[in-house]
Amino acid sequence: MLQALVAAPRPVGTEKAFAFSRPVLEHAQARRDLHRALLGGNGRDMPDEIRNWIASQIRRELSQLCEGRTTGADLEISVRYVLGALVEVMHWWLENGSTLSAVEVDQRFQRLAFGGVGAALKGPF
């Protein structure tokens, strides 16, 4: 599963957004039953391999966007913030029968996550 996501091209129009999220959401939509099973009974449990892969994608993108200016605790808090947001949004979307497409969910996720983290990483800590 992770191999397909690694090979996914960056969606057009995402130069100012997280590139990992749309392929993850599209994959989840295409395999909704599998993702429901992987997310566990409470919907928040995710295999460490998947969680770590997503976290590494977020970390890589944030490091590139900040050109290495943000490291340590600020970077890790941002990584965990985005990861938690994605897991919660994906859980809501998969479990509640939303009619939104992966693209629509990603647009909303991008606006909140990228905008918030981008503003926070530019400001003083």
N, C-alpha and C. Protein backbone atom coordinates (compact mmCIF):
# COMPACT_ATOMS: atom_id res chain seq x y z
N MET A 1 0.83 -1.19 0.00
CA MET A 1 0.00 0.00 0.00
C MET A 1 0.87 1.25 0.00
N LEU A 2 1.90 1.28 0.84
CA LEU A 2 2.75 2.46 0.91
C LEU A 2 3.53 2.69 -0.38
N GLN A 3 3.87 1.62 -1.08
CA GLN A 3 4.59 1.77 -2.34
C GLN A 3 3.79 2.58 -3.35
N ALA A 4 2.49 2.34 -3.41
CA ALA A 4 1.64 3.08 -4.35
C ALA A 4 1.60 4.55 -3.99
N LEU A 5 1.59 4.85 -2.71
CA LEU A 5 1.54 6.25 -2.28
C LEU A 5 2.86 6.96 -2.53
N VAL A 6 3.96 6.24 -2.34
CA VAL A 6 5.28 6.83 -2.58
C VAL A 6 5.42 7.21 -4.05
N ALA A 7 4.89 6.38 -4.93
CA ALA A 7 5.02 6.61 -6.37
C ALA A 7 4.01 7.62 -6.91
N ALA A 8 3.04 8.01 -6.11
CA ALA A 8 2.00 8.92 -6.59
C ALA A 8 2.59 10.28 -6.93
N PRO A 9 2.25 10.82 -8.10
CA PRO A 9 2.75 12.14 -8.46
C PRO A 9 2.07 13.22 -7.63
N ARG A 10 2.74 14.33 -7.46
CA ARG A 10 2.15 15.47 -6.74
C ARG A 10 0.97 15.97 -7.55
N PRO A 11 -0.22 16.07 -6.94
CA PRO A 11 -1.38 16.55 -7.68
C PRO A 11 -1.17 17.97 -8.21
N VAL A 12 -1.69 18.23 -9.40
CA VAL A 12 -1.57 19.54 -10.02
C VAL A 12 -2.22 20.58 -9.13
N GLY A 13 -1.57 21.71 -9.00
CA GLY A 13 -2.14 22.80 -8.21
C GLY A 13 -1.83 22.71 -6.73
N THR A 14 -0.89 21.83 -6.33
CA THR A 14 -0.58 21.68 -4.91
C THR A 14 0.81 22.20 -4.57
N GLU A 15 1.33 23.12 -5.35
CA GLU A 15 2.66 23.63 -5.08
C GLU A 15 2.72 24.33 -3.72
N LYS A 16 1.61 24.87 -3.27
CA LYS A 16 1.56 25.54 -1.98
C LYS A 16 0.70 24.74 -1.01
N ALA A 17 0.91 23.46 -0.99
CA ALA A 17 0.12 22.60 -0.12
C ALA A 17 0.91 21.34 0.16
N PHE A 18 0.42 20.55 1.12
CA PHE A 18 1.04 19.26 1.41
C PHE A 18 0.75 18.32 0.26
N ALA A 19 1.76 17.72 -0.31
CA ALA A 19 1.58 16.83 -1.45
C ALA A 19 1.11 15.44 -1.04
N PHE A 20 1.35 15.04 0.20
CA PHE A 20 1.03 13.67 0.63
C PHE A 20 -0.45 13.43 0.83
N SER A 21 -1.22 14.44 1.16
CA SER A 21 -2.57 14.20 1.66
C SER A 21 -3.56 13.73 0.60
N ARG A 22 -3.54 14.31 -0.58
CA ARG A 22 -4.52 13.88 -1.58
C ARG A 22 -4.32 12.42 -1.98
N PRO A 23 -3.09 11.95 -2.27
CA PRO A 23 -2.94 10.52 -2.57
C PRO A 23 -3.38 9.61 -1.42
N VAL A 24 -3.12 10.03 -0.18
CA VAL A 24 -3.55 9.23 0.98
C VAL A 24 -5.08 9.16 1.02
N LEU A 25 -5.74 10.29 0.83
CA LEU A 25 -7.20 10.32 0.87
C LEU A 25 -7.81 9.58 -0.31
N GLU A 26 -7.23 9.72 -1.48
CA GLU A 26 -7.74 8.98 -2.65
C GLU A 26 -7.59 7.47 -2.45
N HIS A 27 -6.48 7.07 -1.88
CA HIS A 27 -6.26 5.66 -1.59
C HIS A 27 -7.29 5.17 -0.57
N ALA A 28 -7.53 5.97 0.45
CA ALA A 28 -8.51 5.60 1.47
C ALA A 28 -9.91 5.49 0.87
N GLN A 29 -10.25 6.41 -0.01
CA GLN A 29 -11.57 6.37 -0.64
C GLN A 29 -11.72 5.12 -1.51
N ALA A 30 -10.70 4.79 -2.26
CA ALA A 30 -10.76 3.62 -3.15
C ALA A 30 -10.82 2.31 -2.37
N ARG A 31 -10.27 2.31 -1.18
CA ARG A 31 -10.23 1.09 -0.36
C ARG A 31 -10.84 1.35 1.02
N ARG A 32 -12.00 1.96 1.01
CA ARG A 32 -12.67 2.39 2.24
C ARG A 32 -12.80 1.27 3.27
N ASP A 33 -13.20 0.08 2.85
CA ASP A 33 -13.36 -1.03 3.80
C ASP A 33 -12.03 -1.42 4.44
N LEU A 34 -10.97 -1.45 3.64
CA LEU A 34 -9.64 -1.77 4.17
C LEU A 34 -9.20 -0.72 5.18
N HIS A 35 -9.40 0.52 4.85
CA HIS A 35 -9.00 1.59 5.76
C HIS A 35 -9.82 1.58 7.04
N ARG A 36 -11.08 1.27 6.95
CA ARG A 36 -11.89 1.15 8.17
C ARG A 36 -11.31 0.08 9.08
N ALA A 37 -10.91 -1.05 8.49
CA ALA A 37 -10.32 -2.13 9.27
C ALA A 37 -8.97 -1.70 9.84
N LEU A 38 -8.15 -1.00 9.05
CA LEU A 38 -6.83 -0.58 9.52
C LEU A 38 -6.91 0.47 10.61
N LEU A 39 -7.93 1.31 10.56
CA LEU A 39 -8.04 2.36 11.56
C LEU A 39 -8.54 1.84 12.90
N GLY A 40 -8.92 0.60 12.96
CA GLY A 40 -9.27 -0.01 14.23
C GLY A 40 -10.65 0.35 14.72
N GLY A 41 -11.00 -0.24 15.87
CA GLY A 41 -12.33 -0.08 16.43
C GLY A 41 -12.67 1.33 16.81
N ASN A 42 -11.70 2.08 17.34
CA ASN A 42 -12.03 3.45 17.73
C ASN A 42 -11.74 4.44 16.62
N GLY A 43 -11.28 3.94 15.48
CA GLY A 43 -11.06 4.79 14.33
C GLY A 43 -9.81 5.63 14.37
N ARG A 44 -9.06 5.56 15.44
CA ARG A 44 -7.86 6.39 15.55
C ARG A 44 -6.59 5.56 15.55
N ASP A 45 -6.72 4.27 15.78
CA ASP A 45 -5.55 3.40 15.76
C ASP A 45 -5.14 3.18 14.32
N MET A 46 -3.86 3.30 14.09
CA MET A 46 -3.33 3.13 12.75
C MET A 46 -2.02 2.36 12.90
N PRO A 47 -1.76 1.41 12.03
CA PRO A 47 -0.49 0.69 12.13
C PRO A 47 0.69 1.67 12.14
N ASP A 48 1.68 1.38 12.97
CA ASP A 48 2.84 2.26 13.10
C ASP A 48 3.53 2.50 11.77
N GLU A 49 3.59 1.49 10.92
CA GLU A 49 4.26 1.64 9.63
C GLU A 49 3.60 2.75 8.80
N ILE A 50 2.28 2.79 8.80
CA ILE A 50 1.55 3.81 8.04
C ILE A 50 1.70 5.17 8.71
N ARG A 51 1.50 5.21 10.02
CA ARG A 51 1.63 6.47 10.77
C ARG A 51 3.03 7.06 10.59
N ASN A 52 4.05 6.22 10.70
CA ASN A 52 5.43 6.70 10.55
C ASN A 52 5.72 7.19 9.14
N TRP A 53 5.16 6.49 8.13
CA TRP A 53 5.36 6.92 6.75
C TRP A 53 4.73 8.29 6.52
N ILE A 54 3.51 8.47 6.96
CA ILE A 54 2.84 9.76 6.78
C ILE A 54 3.60 10.85 7.53
N ALA A 55 4.03 10.56 8.76
CA ALA A 55 4.80 11.54 9.53
C ALA A 55 6.09 11.92 8.81
N SER A 56 6.75 10.94 8.20
CA SER A 56 8.00 11.25 7.48
C SER A 56 7.73 12.13 6.26
N GLN A 57 6.60 11.92 5.58
CA GLN A 57 6.23 12.76 4.44
C GLN A 57 5.97 14.20 4.90
N ILE A 58 5.25 14.33 5.99
CA ILE A 58 4.96 15.66 6.54
C ILE A 58 6.26 16.35 6.94
N ARG A 59 7.12 15.64 7.67
CA ARG A 59 8.39 16.18 8.13
C ARG A 59 9.25 16.64 6.95
N ARG A 60 9.33 15.82 5.91
CA ARG A 60 10.12 16.15 4.73
C ARG A 60 9.58 17.42 4.07
N GLU A 61 8.26 17.48 3.90
CA GLU A 61 7.67 18.65 3.24
C GLU A 61 7.83 19.92 4.07
N LEU A 62 7.63 19.81 5.38
CA LEU A 62 7.80 20.99 6.23
C LEU A 62 9.25 21.46 6.23
N SER A 63 10.17 20.52 6.28
CA SER A 63 11.60 20.88 6.25
C SER A 63 11.95 21.60 4.95
N GLN A 64 11.40 21.12 3.84
CA GLN A 64 11.65 21.77 2.54
C GLN A 64 11.02 23.15 2.49
N LEU A 65 9.78 23.25 2.96
CA LEU A 65 9.08 24.53 2.93
C LEU A 65 9.76 25.58 3.79
N CYS A 66 10.30 25.14 4.91
CA CYS A 66 10.97 26.07 5.85
C CYS A 66 12.44 26.21 5.54
N GLU A 67 12.90 25.51 4.52
CA GLU A 67 14.30 25.56 4.09
C GLU A 67 15.24 25.32 5.26
N GLY A 68 14.87 24.36 6.13
CA GLY A 68 15.72 23.97 7.24
C GLY A 68 15.75 24.93 8.41
N ARG A 69 14.96 26.02 8.36
CA ARG A 69 14.97 27.00 9.45
C ARG A 69 14.29 26.49 10.71
N THR A 70 13.35 25.56 10.55
CA THR A 70 12.61 25.04 11.69
C THR A 70 13.04 23.60 11.95
N THR A 71 13.49 23.35 13.16
CA THR A 71 13.94 22.01 13.54
C THR A 71 13.48 21.71 14.95
N GLY A 72 13.85 20.55 15.45
CA GLY A 72 13.59 20.20 16.83
C GLY A 72 12.12 20.17 17.19
N ALA A 73 11.82 20.74 18.35
CA ALA A 73 10.47 20.67 18.90
C ALA A 73 9.44 21.36 18.00
N ASP A 74 9.78 22.51 17.43
CA ASP A 74 8.82 23.22 16.58
C ASP A 74 8.42 22.37 15.38
N LEU A 75 9.38 21.72 14.77
CA LEU A 75 9.09 20.87 13.62
C LEU A 75 8.28 19.65 14.04
N GLU A 76 8.68 19.00 15.12
CA GLU A 76 7.96 17.79 15.55
C GLU A 76 6.55 18.08 16.01
N ILE A 77 6.34 19.19 16.68
CA ILE A 77 4.97 19.56 17.08
C ILE A 77 4.13 19.80 15.83
N SER A 78 4.68 20.44 14.84
CA SER A 78 3.96 20.68 13.59
C SER A 78 3.64 19.38 12.87
N VAL A 79 4.60 18.46 12.84
CA VAL A 79 4.38 17.15 12.22
C VAL A 79 3.24 16.43 12.91
N ARG A 80 3.26 16.38 14.22
CA ARG A 80 2.22 15.66 14.99
C ARG A 80 0.87 16.34 14.85
N TYR A 81 0.86 17.65 14.77
CA TYR A 81 -0.38 18.40 14.59
C TYR A 81 -1.04 18.04 13.26
N VAL A 82 -0.27 18.05 12.18
CA VAL A 82 -0.80 17.74 10.86
C VAL A 82 -1.22 16.27 10.79
N LEU A 83 -0.40 15.38 11.33
CA LEU A 83 -0.72 13.95 11.33
C LEU A 83 -2.03 13.69 12.08
N GLY A 84 -2.17 14.27 13.26
CA GLY A 84 -3.39 14.09 14.04
C GLY A 84 -4.61 14.64 13.32
N ALA A 85 -4.44 15.78 12.69
CA ALA A 85 -5.55 16.37 11.94
C ALA A 85 -5.97 15.46 10.79
N LEU A 86 -5.00 14.94 10.06
CA LEU A 86 -5.32 14.07 8.93
C LEU A 86 -6.05 12.81 9.40
N VAL A 87 -5.57 12.18 10.47
CA VAL A 87 -6.20 10.96 10.98
C VAL A 87 -7.63 11.25 11.41
N GLU A 88 -7.85 12.35 12.09
CA GLU A 88 -9.20 12.69 12.55
C GLU A 88 -10.13 13.01 11.38
N VAL A 89 -9.64 13.76 10.41
CA VAL A 89 -10.46 14.09 9.24
C VAL A 89 -10.79 12.81 8.47
N MET A 90 -9.79 11.95 8.28
CA MET A 90 -10.01 10.71 7.55
C MET A 90 -11.01 9.83 8.29
N HIS A 91 -10.89 9.76 9.60
CA HIS A 91 -11.83 8.97 10.39
C HIS A 91 -13.25 9.49 10.20
N TRP A 92 -13.44 10.77 10.36
CA TRP A 92 -14.78 11.35 10.19
C TRP A 92 -15.32 11.04 8.81
N TRP A 93 -14.50 11.26 7.80
CA TRP A 93 -14.92 11.10 6.41
C TRP A 93 -15.29 9.66 6.09
N LEU A 94 -14.49 8.69 6.53
CA LEU A 94 -14.75 7.28 6.23
C LEU A 94 -15.90 6.71 7.03
N GLU A 95 -16.05 7.14 8.26
CA GLU A 95 -17.03 6.52 9.15
C GLU A 95 -18.42 7.14 9.09
N ASN A 96 -18.54 8.34 8.59
CA ASN A 96 -19.83 9.02 8.64
C ASN A 96 -20.55 9.12 7.31
N GLY A 97 -20.08 8.38 6.34
CA GLY A 97 -20.77 8.33 5.06
C GLY A 97 -20.80 9.65 4.33
N SER A 98 -19.78 10.47 4.49
CA SER A 98 -19.73 11.76 3.81
C SER A 98 -19.76 11.55 2.30
N THR A 99 -20.43 12.44 1.62
CA THR A 99 -20.49 12.38 0.16
C THR A 99 -19.38 13.20 -0.49
N LEU A 100 -18.54 13.82 0.32
CA LEU A 100 -17.43 14.58 -0.23
C LEU A 100 -16.43 13.64 -0.89
N SER A 101 -15.86 14.07 -2.00
CA SER A 101 -14.82 13.29 -2.67
C SER A 101 -13.49 13.49 -1.93
N ALA A 102 -12.52 12.67 -2.29
CA ALA A 102 -11.18 12.81 -1.72
C ALA A 102 -10.61 14.20 -2.02
N VAL A 103 -10.85 14.70 -3.21
CA VAL A 103 -10.36 16.02 -3.60
C VAL A 103 -11.00 17.10 -2.73
N GLU A 104 -12.30 16.99 -2.49
CA GLU A 104 -13.00 17.99 -1.67
C GLU A 104 -12.53 17.96 -0.22
N VAL A 105 -12.33 16.77 0.32
CA VAL A 105 -11.82 16.64 1.69
C VAL A 105 -10.41 17.22 1.75
N ASP A 106 -9.60 16.89 0.75
CA ASP A 106 -8.22 17.38 0.72
C ASP A 106 -8.18 18.91 0.64
N GLN A 107 -9.05 19.52 -0.14
CA GLN A 107 -9.07 20.97 -0.24
C GLN A 107 -9.34 21.60 1.13
N ARG A 108 -10.29 21.05 1.86
CA ARG A 108 -10.61 21.58 3.19
C ARG A 108 -9.47 21.33 4.17
N PHE A 109 -8.90 20.12 4.11
CA PHE A 109 -7.77 19.79 4.97
C PHE A 109 -6.59 20.73 4.68
N GLN A 110 -6.30 20.94 3.40
CA GLN A 110 -5.19 21.81 3.01
C GLN A 110 -5.37 23.23 3.56
N ARG A 111 -6.56 23.75 3.38
CA ARG A 111 -6.84 25.12 3.82
C ARG A 111 -6.57 25.28 5.31
N LEU A 112 -7.00 24.32 6.09
CA LEU A 112 -6.81 24.39 7.54
C LEU A 112 -5.39 24.05 7.96
N ALA A 113 -4.92 22.88 7.53
CA ALA A 113 -3.62 22.39 8.01
C ALA A 113 -2.46 23.21 7.46
N PHE A 114 -2.41 23.40 6.17
CA PHE A 114 -1.28 24.12 5.57
C PHE A 114 -1.30 25.59 5.99
N GLY A 115 -2.49 26.16 5.96
CA GLY A 115 -2.59 27.57 6.36
C GLY A 115 -2.17 27.79 7.80
N GLY A 116 -2.67 26.94 8.70
CA GLY A 116 -2.34 27.10 10.12
C GLY A 116 -0.88 26.83 10.43
N VAL A 117 -0.37 25.74 9.93
CA VAL A 117 1.03 25.40 10.20
C VAL A 117 1.95 26.39 9.51
N GLY A 118 1.61 26.77 8.28
CA GLY A 118 2.44 27.75 7.58
C GLY A 118 2.55 29.06 8.34
N ALA A 119 1.45 29.54 8.87
CA ALA A 119 1.47 30.79 9.65
C ALA A 119 2.26 30.60 10.94
N ALA A 120 2.08 29.46 11.60
CA ALA A 120 2.78 29.22 12.86
C ALA A 120 4.29 29.13 12.66
N LEU A 121 4.72 28.47 11.62
CA LEU A 121 6.15 28.30 11.40
C LEU A 121 6.83 29.59 10.96
N LYS A 122 6.08 30.55 10.44
CA LYS A 122 6.66 31.83 10.05
C LYS A 122 6.81 32.76 11.25
N GLY A 123 5.96 32.54 12.27
CA GLY A 123 5.96 33.43 13.42
C GLY A 123 7.00 33.04 14.46
N PRO A 124 7.21 33.93 15.42
CA PRO A 124 8.16 33.63 16.49
C PRO A 124 7.59 32.58 17.45
N PHE A 125 8.47 31.80 18.03
CA PHE A 125 8.06 30.78 19.00
C PHE A 125 8.53 31.16 20.38
